[in-house]
Amino acid sequence: MYQRMMEAVSLTDKLNSVIYYDWFVPEEERHDSAVGRNRENLSAELKLWESYLENVAAGSYLVGAFSLADVVAFPNVAYAFRFG
């Protein structure tokens, strides 16, 4: 449980790198390579989290029973859906 909880910080970081780059870097200063790299990193991280969910029983949470890991990770998932 604690490992997944701490890994949620990495997910937050990768989400922020995609979303905030778009918000804070002026359009004329953006680099396609940075945008692509950030999106690829986020995509890899989301695939990792998807694999975690594939390894638990249907209807379960991140580590089986509902835990603090789910509480920490859920806002990141909602955040990702909110910003597309």
PDB file of N, CA and C in Angstrom:
ATOM      1  N   MET A   1       0.817  -1.176   0.000  1.00  0.00           N
ATOM      2  CA  MET A   1       0.000   0.000   0.000  1.00  0.00           C
ATOM      3  C   MET A   1       0.873   1.256   0.000  1.00  0.00           C
ATOM      4  N   TYR A   2       1.888   1.286   0.857  1.00  0.00           N
ATOM      5  CA  TYR A   2       2.731   2.479   0.946  1.00  0.00           C
ATOM      6  C   TYR A   2       3.502   2.729  -0.350  1.00  0.00           C
ATOM      7  N   GLN A   3       3.896   1.659  -1.015  1.00  0.00           N
ATOM      8  CA  GLN A   3       4.630   1.831  -2.265  1.00  0.00           C
ATOM      9  C   GLN A   3       3.753   2.513  -3.308  1.00  0.00           C
ATOM     10  N   ARG A   4       2.519   2.050  -3.475  1.00  0.00           N
ATOM     11  CA  ARG A   4       1.615   2.678  -4.455  1.00  0.00           C
ATOM     12  C   ARG A   4       1.315   4.118  -4.060  1.00  0.00           C
ATOM     13  N   MET A   5       1.186   4.347  -2.776  1.00  0.00           N
ATOM     14  CA  MET A   5       0.909   5.695  -2.301  1.00  0.00           C
ATOM     15  C   MET A   5       2.048   6.640  -2.688  1.00  0.00           C
ATOM     16  N   MET A   6       3.279   6.186  -2.518  1.00  0.00           N
ATOM     17  CA  MET A   6       4.423   7.027  -2.848  1.00  0.00           C
ATOM     18  C   MET A   6       4.615   7.145  -4.360  1.00  0.00           C
ATOM     19  N   GLU A   7       4.238   6.119  -5.110  1.00  0.00           N
ATOM     20  CA  GLU A   7       4.342   6.181  -6.565  1.00  0.00           C
ATOM     21  C   GLU A   7       3.356   7.186  -7.151  1.00  0.00           C
ATOM     22  N   ALA A   8       2.304   7.494  -6.423  1.00  0.00           N
ATOM     23  CA  ALA A   8       1.331   8.483  -6.897  1.00  0.00           C
ATOM     24  C   ALA A   8       1.986   9.849  -7.056  1.00  0.00           C
ATOM     25  N   VAL A   9       3.041  10.114  -6.313  1.00  0.00           N
ATOM     26  CA  VAL A   9       3.770  11.380  -6.444  1.00  0.00           C
ATOM     27  C   VAL A   9       4.392  11.484  -7.834  1.00  0.00           C
ATOM     28  N   SER A  10       4.898  10.375  -8.347  1.00  0.00           N
ATOM     29  CA  SER A  10       5.471  10.359  -9.693  1.00  0.00           C
ATOM     30  C   SER A  10       4.396  10.639 -10.740  1.00  0.00           C
ATOM     31  N   LEU A  11       3.228  10.066 -10.536  1.00  0.00           N
ATOM     32  CA  LEU A  11       2.116  10.321 -11.451  1.00  0.00           C
ATOM     33  C   LEU A  11       1.737  11.798 -11.428  1.00  0.00           C
ATOM     34  N   THR A  12       1.681  12.382 -10.254  1.00  0.00           N
ATOM     35  CA  THR A  12       1.379  13.815 -10.122  1.00  0.00           C
ATOM     36  C   THR A  12       2.410  14.652 -10.863  1.00  0.00           C
ATOM     37  N   ASP A  13       3.664  14.315 -10.692  1.00  0.00           N
ATOM     38  CA  ASP A  13       4.744  15.066 -11.338  1.00  0.00           C
ATOM     39  C   ASP A  13       4.621  15.014 -12.856  1.00  0.00           C
ATOM     40  N   LYS A  14       4.330  13.856 -13.390  1.00  0.00           N
ATOM     41  CA  LYS A  14       4.239  13.721 -14.846  1.00  0.00           C
ATOM     42  C   LYS A  14       2.992  14.398 -15.395  1.00  0.00           C
ATOM     43  N   LEU A  15       1.907  14.361 -14.649  1.00  0.00           N
ATOM     44  CA  LEU A  15       0.714  15.097 -15.058  1.00  0.00           C
ATOM     45  C   LEU A  15       0.993  16.597 -15.071  1.00  0.00           C
ATOM     46  N   ASN A  16       1.641  17.065 -14.015  1.00  0.00           N
ATOM     47  CA  ASN A  16       1.958  18.490 -13.926  1.00  0.00           C
ATOM     48  C   ASN A  16       2.872  18.939 -15.057  1.00  0.00           C
ATOM     49  N   SER A  17       3.812  18.091 -15.438  1.00  0.00           N
ATOM     50  CA  SER A  17       4.739  18.488 -16.500  1.00  0.00           C
ATOM     51  C   SER A  17       4.018  18.687 -17.827  1.00  0.00           C
ATOM     52  N   VAL A  18       2.963  17.941 -18.073  1.00  0.00           N
ATOM     53  CA  VAL A  18       2.190  18.107 -19.304  1.00  0.00           C
ATOM     54  C   VAL A  18       1.267  19.316 -19.199  1.00  0.00           C
ATOM     55  N   ILE A  19       0.528  19.395 -18.119  1.00  0.00           N
ATOM     56  CA  ILE A  19      -0.486  20.440 -17.986  1.00  0.00           C
ATOM     57  C   ILE A  19       0.137  21.819 -17.784  1.00  0.00           C
ATOM     58  N   TYR A  20       1.086  21.930 -16.875  1.00  0.00           N
ATOM     59  CA  TYR A  20       1.644  23.241 -16.568  1.00  0.00           C
ATOM     60  C   TYR A  20       2.563  23.760 -17.666  1.00  0.00           C
ATOM     61  N   TYR A  21       3.182  22.886 -18.428  1.00  0.00           N
ATOM     62  CA  TYR A  21       3.990  23.363 -19.557  1.00  0.00           C
ATOM     63  C   TYR A  21       3.089  24.115 -20.526  1.00  0.00           C
ATOM     64  N   ASP A  22       1.926  23.577 -20.749  1.00  0.00           N
ATOM     65  CA  ASP A  22       0.972  24.208 -21.654  1.00  0.00           C
ATOM     66  C   ASP A  22       0.450  25.525 -21.084  1.00  0.00           C
ATOM     67  N   TRP A  23       0.254  25.578 -19.771  1.00  0.00           N
ATOM     68  CA  TRP A  23      -0.277  26.793 -19.143  1.00  0.00           C
ATOM     69  C   TRP A  23       0.747  27.910 -19.016  1.00  0.00           C
ATOM     70  N   PHE A  24       1.957  27.570 -18.596  1.00  0.00           N
ATOM     71  CA  PHE A  24       2.904  28.597 -18.194  1.00  0.00           C
ATOM     72  C   PHE A  24       3.957  28.982 -19.232  1.00  0.00           C
ATOM     73  N   VAL A  25       4.219  28.122 -20.166  1.00  0.00           N
ATOM     74  CA  VAL A  25       5.219  28.458 -21.181  1.00  0.00           C
ATOM     75  C   VAL A  25       4.490  29.130 -22.344  1.00  0.00           C
ATOM     76  N   PRO A  26       4.872  30.353 -22.664  1.00  0.00           N
ATOM     77  CA  PRO A  26       4.221  31.048 -23.791  1.00  0.00           C
ATOM     78  C   PRO A  26       4.329  30.226 -25.076  1.00  0.00           C
ATOM     79  N   GLU A  27       3.321  30.319 -25.883  1.00  0.00           N
ATOM     80  CA  GLU A  27       3.240  29.487 -27.086  1.00  0.00           C
ATOM     81  C   GLU A  27       4.450  29.633 -27.995  1.00  0.00           C
ATOM     82  N   GLU A  28       4.981  30.848 -28.121  1.00  0.00           N
ATOM     83  CA  GLU A  28       6.132  31.058 -28.997  1.00  0.00           C
ATOM     84  C   GLU A  28       7.422  30.482 -28.423  1.00  0.00           C
ATOM     85  N   GLU A  29       7.430  30.131 -27.140  1.00  0.00           N
ATOM     86  CA  GLU A  29       8.626  29.571 -26.505  1.00  0.00           C
ATOM     87  C   GLU A  29       8.547  28.050 -26.306  1.00  0.00           C
ATOM     88  N   ARG A  30       7.447  27.448 -26.682  1.00  0.00           N
ATOM     89  CA  ARG A  30       7.282  26.000 -26.501  1.00  0.00           C
ATOM     90  C   ARG A  30       8.094  25.236 -27.533  1.00  0.00           C
ATOM     91  N   HIS A  31       8.588  24.111 -27.101  1.00  0.00           N
ATOM     92  CA  HIS A  31       9.340  23.230 -27.994  1.00  0.00           C
ATOM     93  C   HIS A  31       8.559  21.941 -28.176  1.00  0.00           C
ATOM     94  N   ASP A  32       8.385  21.548 -29.426  1.00  0.00           N
ATOM     95  CA  ASP A  32       7.659  20.319 -29.711  1.00  0.00           C
ATOM     96  C   ASP A  32       8.310  19.112 -29.062  1.00  0.00           C
ATOM     97  N   SER A  33       9.636  19.141 -28.969  1.00  0.00           N
ATOM     98  CA  SER A  33      10.336  18.010 -28.358  1.00  0.00           C
ATOM     99  C   SER A  33      10.003  17.897 -26.873  1.00  0.00           C
ATOM    100  N   ALA A  34       9.879  19.019 -26.177  1.00  0.00           N
ATOM    101  CA  ALA A  34       9.536  18.991 -24.751  1.00  0.00           C
ATOM    102  C   ALA A  34       8.099  18.527 -24.560  1.00  0.00           C
ATOM    103  N   VAL A  35       7.199  19.011 -25.390  1.00  0.00           N
ATOM    104  CA  VAL A  35       5.804  18.587 -25.306  1.00  0.00           C
ATOM    105  C   VAL A  35       5.707  17.081 -25.552  1.00  0.00           C
ATOM    106  N   GLY A  36       6.378  16.610 -26.582  1.00  0.00           N
ATOM    107  CA  GLY A  36       6.358  15.173 -26.897  1.00  0.00           C
ATOM    108  C   GLY A  36       6.961  14.331 -25.796  1.00  0.00           C
ATOM    109  N   ARG A  37       8.078  14.765 -25.253  1.00  0.00           N
ATOM    110  CA  ARG A  37       8.739  14.024 -24.174  1.00  0.00           C
ATOM    111  C   ARG A  37       7.846  13.948 -22.943  1.00  0.00           C
ATOM    112  N   ASN A  38       7.228  15.073 -22.576  1.00  0.00           N
ATOM    113  CA  ASN A  38       6.346  15.089 -21.410  1.00  0.00           C
ATOM    114  C   ASN A  38       5.148  14.169 -21.601  1.00  0.00           C
ATOM    115  N   ARG A  39       4.578  14.194 -22.791  1.00  0.00           N
ATOM    116  CA  ARG A  39       3.416  13.340 -23.065  1.00  0.00           C
ATOM    117  C   ARG A  39       3.806  11.860 -23.093  1.00  0.00           C
ATOM    118  N   GLU A  40       4.963  11.546 -23.644  1.00  0.00           N
ATOM    119  CA  GLU A  40       5.422  10.157 -23.652  1.00  0.00           C
ATOM    120  C   GLU A  40       5.663   9.648 -22.236  1.00  0.00           C
ATOM    121  N   ASN A  41       6.269  10.487 -21.386  1.00  0.00           N
ATOM    122  CA  ASN A  41       6.496  10.103 -19.990  1.00  0.00           C
ATOM    123  C   ASN A  41       5.173   9.866 -19.266  1.00  0.00           C
ATOM    124  N   LEU A  42       4.206  10.735 -19.512  1.00  0.00           N
ATOM    125  CA  LEU A  42       2.899  10.569 -18.882  1.00  0.00           C
ATOM    126  C   LEU A  42       2.201   9.318 -19.394  1.00  0.00           C
ATOM    127  N   SER A  43       2.294   9.077 -20.679  1.00  0.00           N
ATOM    128  CA  SER A  43       1.683   7.883 -21.255  1.00  0.00           C
ATOM    129  C   SER A  43       2.272   6.611 -20.649  1.00  0.00           C
ATOM    130  N   ALA A  44       3.581   6.570 -20.504  1.00  0.00           N
ATOM    131  CA  ALA A  44       4.232   5.404 -19.891  1.00  0.00           C
ATOM    132  C   ALA A  44       3.786   5.229 -18.441  1.00  0.00           C
ATOM    133  N   GLU A  45       3.669   6.332 -17.721  1.00  0.00           N
ATOM    134  CA  GLU A  45       3.234   6.274 -16.316  1.00  0.00           C
ATOM    135  C   GLU A  45       1.792   5.775 -16.210  1.00  0.00           C
ATOM    136  N   LEU A  46       0.923   6.254 -17.090  1.00  0.00           N
ATOM    137  CA  LEU A  46      -0.472   5.804 -17.069  1.00  0.00           C
ATOM    138  C   LEU A  46      -0.588   4.330 -17.422  1.00  0.00           C
ATOM    139  N   LYS A  47       0.249   3.854 -18.338  1.00  0.00           N
ATOM    140  CA  LYS A  47       0.258   2.416 -18.667  1.00  0.00           C
ATOM    141  C   LYS A  47       0.703   1.594 -17.463  1.00  0.00           C
ATOM    142  N   LEU A  48       1.662   2.115 -16.705  1.00  0.00           N
ATOM    143  CA  LEU A  48       2.105   1.437 -15.496  1.00  0.00           C
ATOM    144  C   LEU A  48       0.963   1.317 -14.492  1.00  0.00           C
ATOM    145  N   TRP A  49       0.226   2.397 -14.288  1.00  0.00           N
ATOM    146  CA  TRP A  49      -0.897   2.365 -13.353  1.00  0.00           C
ATOM    147  C   TRP A  49      -2.005   1.450 -13.871  1.00  0.00           C
ATOM    148  N   GLU A  50      -2.203   1.431 -15.159  1.00  0.00           N
ATOM    149  CA  GLU A  50      -3.194   0.517 -15.740  1.00  0.00           C
ATOM    150  C   GLU A  50      -2.801  -0.930 -15.471  1.00  0.00           C
ATOM    151  N   SER A  51      -1.512  -1.231 -15.562  1.00  0.00           N
ATOM    152  CA  SER A  51      -1.055  -2.600 -15.281  1.00  0.00           C
ATOM    153  C   SER A  51      -1.266  -2.955 -13.818  1.00  0.00           C
ATOM    154  N   TYR A  52      -1.124  -1.983 -12.920  1.00  0.00           N
ATOM    155  CA  TYR A  52      -1.406  -2.258 -11.507  1.00  0.00           C
ATOM    156  C   TYR A  52      -2.857  -2.678 -11.329  1.00  0.00           C
ATOM    157  N   LEU A  53      -3.755  -1.987 -12.029  1.00  0.00           N
ATOM    158  CA  LEU A  53      -5.176  -2.307 -11.901  1.00  0.00           C
ATOM    159  C   LEU A  53      -5.524  -3.633 -12.565  1.00  0.00           C
ATOM    160  N   GLU A  54      -4.788  -4.009 -13.602  1.00  0.00           N
ATOM    161  CA  GLU A  54      -5.033  -5.291 -14.253  1.00  0.00           C
ATOM    162  C   GLU A  54      -4.611  -6.471 -13.378  1.00  0.00           C
ATOM    163  N   ASN A  55      -3.702  -6.227 -12.432  1.00  0.00           N
ATOM    164  CA  ASN A  55      -3.180  -7.300 -11.592  1.00  0.00           C
ATOM    165  C   ASN A  55      -3.976  -7.535 -10.318  1.00  0.00           C
ATOM    166  N   VAL A  56      -5.041  -6.790 -10.103  1.00  0.00           N
ATOM    167  CA  VAL A  56      -5.898  -7.031  -8.940  1.00  0.00           C
ATOM    168  C   VAL A  56      -7.220  -7.612  -9.411  1.00  0.00           C
ATOM    169  N   ALA A  57      -7.958  -8.188  -8.508  1.00  0.00           N
ATOM    170  CA  ALA A  57      -9.235  -8.817  -8.855  1.00  0.00           C
ATOM    171  C   ALA A  57     -10.230  -7.761  -9.335  1.00  0.00           C
ATOM    172  N   ALA A  58     -11.151  -8.193 -10.163  1.00  0.00           N
ATOM    173  CA  ALA A  58     -12.177  -7.288 -10.665  1.00  0.00           C
ATOM    174  C   ALA A  58     -12.957  -6.694  -9.504  1.00  0.00           C
ATOM    175  N   GLY A  59     -13.197  -5.404  -9.557  1.00  0.00           N
ATOM    176  CA  GLY A  59     -13.930  -4.725  -8.498  1.00  0.00           C
ATOM    177  C   GLY A  59     -13.072  -4.345  -7.309  1.00  0.00           C
ATOM    178  N   SER A  60     -11.787  -4.644  -7.369  1.00  0.00           N
ATOM    179  CA  SER A  60     -10.889  -4.293  -6.272  1.00  0.00           C
ATOM    180  C   SER A  60     -10.302  -2.910  -6.495  1.00  0.00           C
ATOM    181  N   TYR A  61      -9.506  -2.506  -5.550  1.00  0.00           N
ATOM    182  CA  TYR A  61      -8.829  -1.225  -5.631  1.00  0.00           C
ATOM    183  C   TYR A  61      -7.354  -1.461  -5.958  1.00  0.00           C
ATOM    184  N   LEU A  62      -6.518  -0.445  -5.835  1.00  0.00           N
ATOM    185  CA  LEU A  62      -5.110  -0.542  -6.245  1.00  0.00           C
ATOM    186  C   LEU A  62      -4.341  -1.675  -5.584  1.00  0.00           C
ATOM    187  N   VAL A  63      -4.578  -1.900  -4.314  1.00  0.00           N
ATOM    188  CA  VAL A  63      -3.839  -2.950  -3.607  1.00  0.00           C
ATOM    189  C   VAL A  63      -4.779  -3.984  -3.000  1.00  0.00           C
ATOM    190  N   GLY A  64      -5.941  -4.139  -3.586  1.00  0.00           N
ATOM    191  CA  GLY A  64      -6.913  -5.093  -3.064  1.00  0.00           C
ATOM    192  C   GLY A  64      -8.052  -4.358  -2.387  1.00  0.00           C
ATOM    193  N   ALA A  65      -7.997  -4.256  -1.058  1.00  0.00           N
ATOM    194  CA  ALA A  65      -9.017  -3.525  -0.310  1.00  0.00           C
ATOM    195  C   ALA A  65      -8.781  -2.025  -0.438  1.00  0.00           C
ATOM    196  N   PHE A  66      -9.835  -1.244  -0.217  1.00  0.00           N
ATOM    197  CA  PHE A  66      -9.707   0.213  -0.267  1.00  0.00           C
ATOM    198  C   PHE A  66      -8.677   0.659   0.755  1.00  0.00           C
ATOM    199  N   SER A  67      -7.733   1.516   0.318  1.00  0.00           N
ATOM    200  CA  SER A  67      -6.647   1.919   1.209  1.00  0.00           C
ATOM    201  C   SER A  67      -6.255   3.373   0.942  1.00  0.00           C
ATOM    202  N   LEU A  68      -5.274   3.818   1.686  1.00  0.00           N
ATOM    203  CA  LEU A  68      -4.761   5.172   1.518  1.00  0.00           C
ATOM    204  C   LEU A  68      -4.157   5.369   0.124  1.00  0.00           C
ATOM    205  N   ALA A  69      -3.649   4.312  -0.470  1.00  0.00           N
ATOM    206  CA  ALA A  69      -3.096   4.410  -1.827  1.00  0.00           C
ATOM    207  C   ALA A  69      -4.171   4.881  -2.808  1.00  0.00           C
ATOM    208  N   ASP A  70      -5.396   4.393  -2.645  1.00  0.00           N
ATOM    209  CA  ASP A  70      -6.498   4.814  -3.511  1.00  0.00           C
ATOM    210  C   ASP A  70      -6.855   6.276  -3.274  1.00  0.00           C
ATOM    211  N   VAL A  71      -6.819   6.686  -2.026  1.00  0.00           N
ATOM    212  CA  VAL A  71      -7.131   8.072  -1.680  1.00  0.00           C
ATOM    213  C   VAL A  71      -6.100   9.019  -2.290  1.00  0.00           C
ATOM    214  N   VAL A  72      -4.846   8.624  -2.279  1.00  0.00           N
ATOM    215  CA  VAL A  72      -3.782   9.473  -2.810  1.00  0.00           C
ATOM    216  C   VAL A  72      -3.791   9.468  -4.339  1.00  0.00           C
ATOM    217  N   ALA A  73      -4.069   8.339  -4.949  1.00  0.00           N
ATOM    218  CA  ALA A  73      -3.994   8.225  -6.406  1.00  0.00           C
ATOM    219  C   ALA A  73      -5.235   8.764  -7.122  1.00  0.00           C
ATOM    220  N   PHE A  74      -6.399   8.690  -6.493  1.00  0.00           N
ATOM    221  CA  PHE A  74      -7.624   9.094  -7.180  1.00  0.00           C
ATOM    222  C   PHE A  74      -7.605  10.528  -7.689  1.00  0.00           C
ATOM    223  N   PRO A  75      -7.170  11.521  -6.902  1.00  0.00           N
ATOM    224  CA  PRO A  75      -7.161  12.890  -7.443  1.00  0.00           C
ATOM    225  C   PRO A  75      -6.321  13.017  -8.710  1.00  0.00           C
ATOM    226  N   ASN A  76      -5.263  12.224  -8.826  1.00  0.00           N
ATOM    227  CA  ASN A  76      -4.447  12.263 -10.040  1.00  0.00           C
ATOM    228  C   ASN A  76      -5.228  11.764 -11.243  1.00  0.00           C
ATOM    229  N   VAL A  77      -5.982  10.710 -11.060  1.00  0.00           N
ATOM    230  CA  VAL A  77      -6.792  10.170 -12.157  1.00  0.00           C
ATOM    231  C   VAL A  77      -7.878  11.171 -12.552  1.00  0.00           C
ATOM    232  N   ALA A  78      -8.530  11.758 -11.565  1.00  0.00           N
ATOM    233  CA  ALA A  78      -9.549  12.767 -11.844  1.00  0.00           C
ATOM    234  C   ALA A  78      -8.939  13.979 -12.545  1.00  0.00           C
ATOM    235  N   TYR A  79      -7.761  14.358 -12.103  1.00  0.00           N
ATOM    236  CA  TYR A  79      -7.010  15.473 -12.680  1.00  0.00           C
ATOM    237  C   TYR A  79      -6.693  15.189 -14.150  1.00  0.00           C
ATOM    238  N   ALA A  80      -6.288  13.990 -14.455  1.00  0.00           N
ATOM    239  CA  ALA A  80      -5.963  13.614 -15.839  1.00  0.00           C
ATOM    240  C   ALA A  80      -7.205  13.680 -16.720  1.00  0.00           C
ATOM    241  N   PHE A  81      -8.329  13.174 -16.219  1.00  0.00           N
ATOM    242  CA  PHE A  81      -9.561  13.230 -17.005  1.00  0.00           C
ATOM    243  C   PHE A  81     -10.030  14.666 -17.181  1.00  0.00           C
ATOM    244  N   ARG A  82      -9.883  15.461 -16.161  1.00  0.00           N
ATOM    245  CA  ARG A  82     -10.329  16.854 -16.217  1.00  0.00           C
ATOM    246  C   ARG A  82      -9.601  17.637 -17.310  1.00  0.00           C
ATOM    247  N   PHE A  83      -8.311  17.382 -17.458  1.00  0.00           N
ATOM    248  CA  PHE A  83      -7.524  18.127 -18.422  1.00  0.00           C
ATOM    249  C   PHE A  83      -7.282  17.364 -19.728  1.00  0.00           C
ATOM    250  N   GLY A  84      -7.934  16.255 -19.872  1.00  0.00           N
ATOM    251  CA  GLY A  84      -7.886  15.514 -21.124  1.00  0.00           C
ATOM    252  C   GLY A  84      -6.566  14.856 -21.372  1.00  0.00           C
TER     253      GLY A  84
END
